[in-house]
């Protein structure tokens, strides 16, 4: 089961290289972040992801990323 707080912290500190996407099981998206990390665009997208996770409700997070709640 994925944890919202863990995903939020990973997006903030390691989001520029896609760690939060690997954690959430989005391997393709994580690889894209990793490949393009030298452009700093993934860092901007990770900041956006951080804000989305920060303000997302626990129920919405569970519906989207924890498949047992679907």
C-alpha atoms as a PDB file:
ATOM      1  CA  UNK A   1       0.000   0.000   0.000  1.00  0.00           C
ATOM      2  CA  UNK A   2       1.422   3.341  -1.059  1.00  0.00           C
ATOM      3  CA  UNK A   3       1.675   6.143   1.478  1.00  0.00           C
ATOM      4  CA  UNK A   4       0.727   9.717   0.553  1.00  0.00           C
ATOM      5  CA  UNK A   5       3.306  11.283   2.879  1.00  0.00           C
ATOM      6  CA  UNK A   6       6.109   9.161   1.409  1.00  0.00           C
ATOM      7  CA  UNK A   7       5.118  10.084  -2.151  1.00  0.00           C
ATOM      8  CA  UNK A   8       4.958  13.770  -1.190  1.00  0.00           C
ATOM      9  CA  UNK A   9       8.416  13.755   0.419  1.00  0.00           C
ATOM     10  CA  UNK A  10       9.922  11.825  -2.505  1.00  0.00           C
ATOM     11  CA  UNK A  11       8.426  14.315  -4.959  1.00  0.00           C
ATOM     12  CA  UNK A  12       9.963  17.206  -3.026  1.00  0.00           C
ATOM     13  CA  UNK A  13      13.466  15.841  -2.480  1.00  0.00           C
ATOM     14  CA  UNK A  14      14.031  13.261  -5.253  1.00  0.00           C
ATOM     15  CA  UNK A  15      11.333  14.230  -7.729  1.00  0.00           C
ATOM     16  CA  UNK A  16      13.779  15.680 -10.245  1.00  0.00           C
ATOM     17  CA  UNK A  17      14.984  12.168 -10.995  1.00  0.00           C
ATOM     18  CA  UNK A  18      11.554  10.572 -10.813  1.00  0.00           C
ATOM     19  CA  UNK A  19      11.736   8.591  -7.566  1.00  0.00           C
ATOM     20  CA  UNK A  20       8.150   9.377  -6.613  1.00  0.00           C
ATOM     21  CA  UNK A  21       6.927   7.846  -9.877  1.00  0.00           C
ATOM     22  CA  UNK A  22       8.965   4.686  -9.308  1.00  0.00           C
ATOM     23  CA  UNK A  23       7.484   4.506  -5.799  1.00  0.00           C
ATOM     24  CA  UNK A  24       3.954   4.836  -7.190  1.00  0.00           C
ATOM     25  CA  UNK A  25       4.537   2.126  -9.790  1.00  0.00           C
ATOM     26  CA  UNK A  26       4.710   4.482 -12.776  1.00  0.00           C
ATOM     27  CA  UNK A  27       7.964   3.103 -14.168  1.00  0.00           C
ATOM     28  CA  UNK A  28       7.705   4.619 -17.647  1.00  0.00           C
ATOM     29  CA  UNK A  29       7.101   8.100 -16.275  1.00  0.00           C
ATOM     30  CA  UNK A  30       9.952   7.629 -13.776  1.00  0.00           C
ATOM     31  CA  UNK A  31      12.329   6.662 -16.577  1.00  0.00           C
ATOM     32  CA  UNK A  32      11.352   9.741 -18.581  1.00  0.00           C
ATOM     33  CA  UNK A  33      12.116  11.935 -15.557  1.00  0.00           C
ATOM     34  CA  UNK A  34      15.446  10.146 -15.100  1.00  0.00           C
ATOM     35  CA  UNK A  35      16.459  10.498 -18.756  1.00  0.00           C
ATOM     36  CA  UNK A  36      15.608  14.205 -18.911  1.00  0.00           C
ATOM     37  CA  UNK A  37      16.818  15.199 -15.421  1.00  0.00           C
ATOM     38  CA  UNK A  38      19.678  17.219 -16.932  1.00  0.00           C
ATOM     39  CA  UNK A  39      17.129  19.644 -18.468  1.00  0.00           C
ATOM     40  CA  UNK A  40      15.631  20.576 -15.073  1.00  0.00           C
ATOM     41  CA  UNK A  41      12.125  20.242 -16.548  1.00  0.00           C
ATOM     42  CA  UNK A  42      11.418  17.146 -14.428  1.00  0.00           C
ATOM     43  CA  UNK A  43      12.298  19.217 -11.365  1.00  0.00           C
ATOM     44  CA  UNK A  44       9.578  21.718 -12.250  1.00  0.00           C
ATOM     45  CA  UNK A  45       7.093  18.910 -12.881  1.00  0.00           C
ATOM     46  CA  UNK A  46       8.105  17.279  -9.584  1.00  0.00           C
ATOM     47  CA  UNK A  47       7.402  20.540  -7.774  1.00  0.00           C
ATOM     48  CA  UNK A  48       3.937  20.524  -9.329  1.00  0.00           C
ATOM     49  CA  UNK A  49       3.497  16.855  -8.316  1.00  0.00           C
ATOM     50  CA  UNK A  50       4.574  17.758  -4.783  1.00  0.00           C
ATOM     51  CA  UNK A  51       1.890  20.435  -4.550  1.00  0.00           C
ATOM     52  CA  UNK A  52      -0.743  18.105  -5.993  1.00  0.00           C
ATOM     53  CA  UNK A  53       0.124  15.392  -3.454  1.00  0.00           C
ATOM     54  CA  UNK A  54       0.228  17.925  -0.644  1.00  0.00           C
ATOM     55  CA  UNK A  55      -3.308  19.162  -1.270  1.00  0.00           C
ATOM     56  CA  UNK A  56      -4.815  15.855  -2.439  1.00  0.00           C
ATOM     57  CA  UNK A  57      -7.148  14.172   0.015  1.00  0.00           C
ATOM     58  CA  UNK A  58      -6.219  10.808   1.458  1.00  0.00           C
ATOM     59  CA  UNK A  59      -9.268   9.193  -0.193  1.00  0.00           C
ATOM     60  CA  UNK A  60      -8.401  10.541  -3.634  1.00  0.00           C
ATOM     61  CA  UNK A  61      -4.808   9.354  -3.258  1.00  0.00           C
ATOM     62  CA  UNK A  62      -5.958   5.883  -2.250  1.00  0.00           C
ATOM     63  CA  UNK A  63      -8.394   5.653  -5.159  1.00  0.00           C
ATOM     64  CA  UNK A  64      -5.730   6.688  -7.634  1.00  0.00           C
ATOM     65  CA  UNK A  65      -2.623   4.851  -6.389  1.00  0.00           C
ATOM     66  CA  UNK A  66      -3.741   2.045  -4.070  1.00  0.00           C
ATOM     67  CA  UNK A  67      -5.509  -0.503  -6.210  1.00  0.00           C
ATOM     68  CA  UNK A  68      -7.119  -2.370  -3.324  1.00  0.00           C
ATOM     69  CA  UNK A  69      -9.443   0.577  -2.751  1.00  0.00           C
ATOM     70  CA  UNK A  70     -10.807   0.606  -6.307  1.00  0.00           C
END
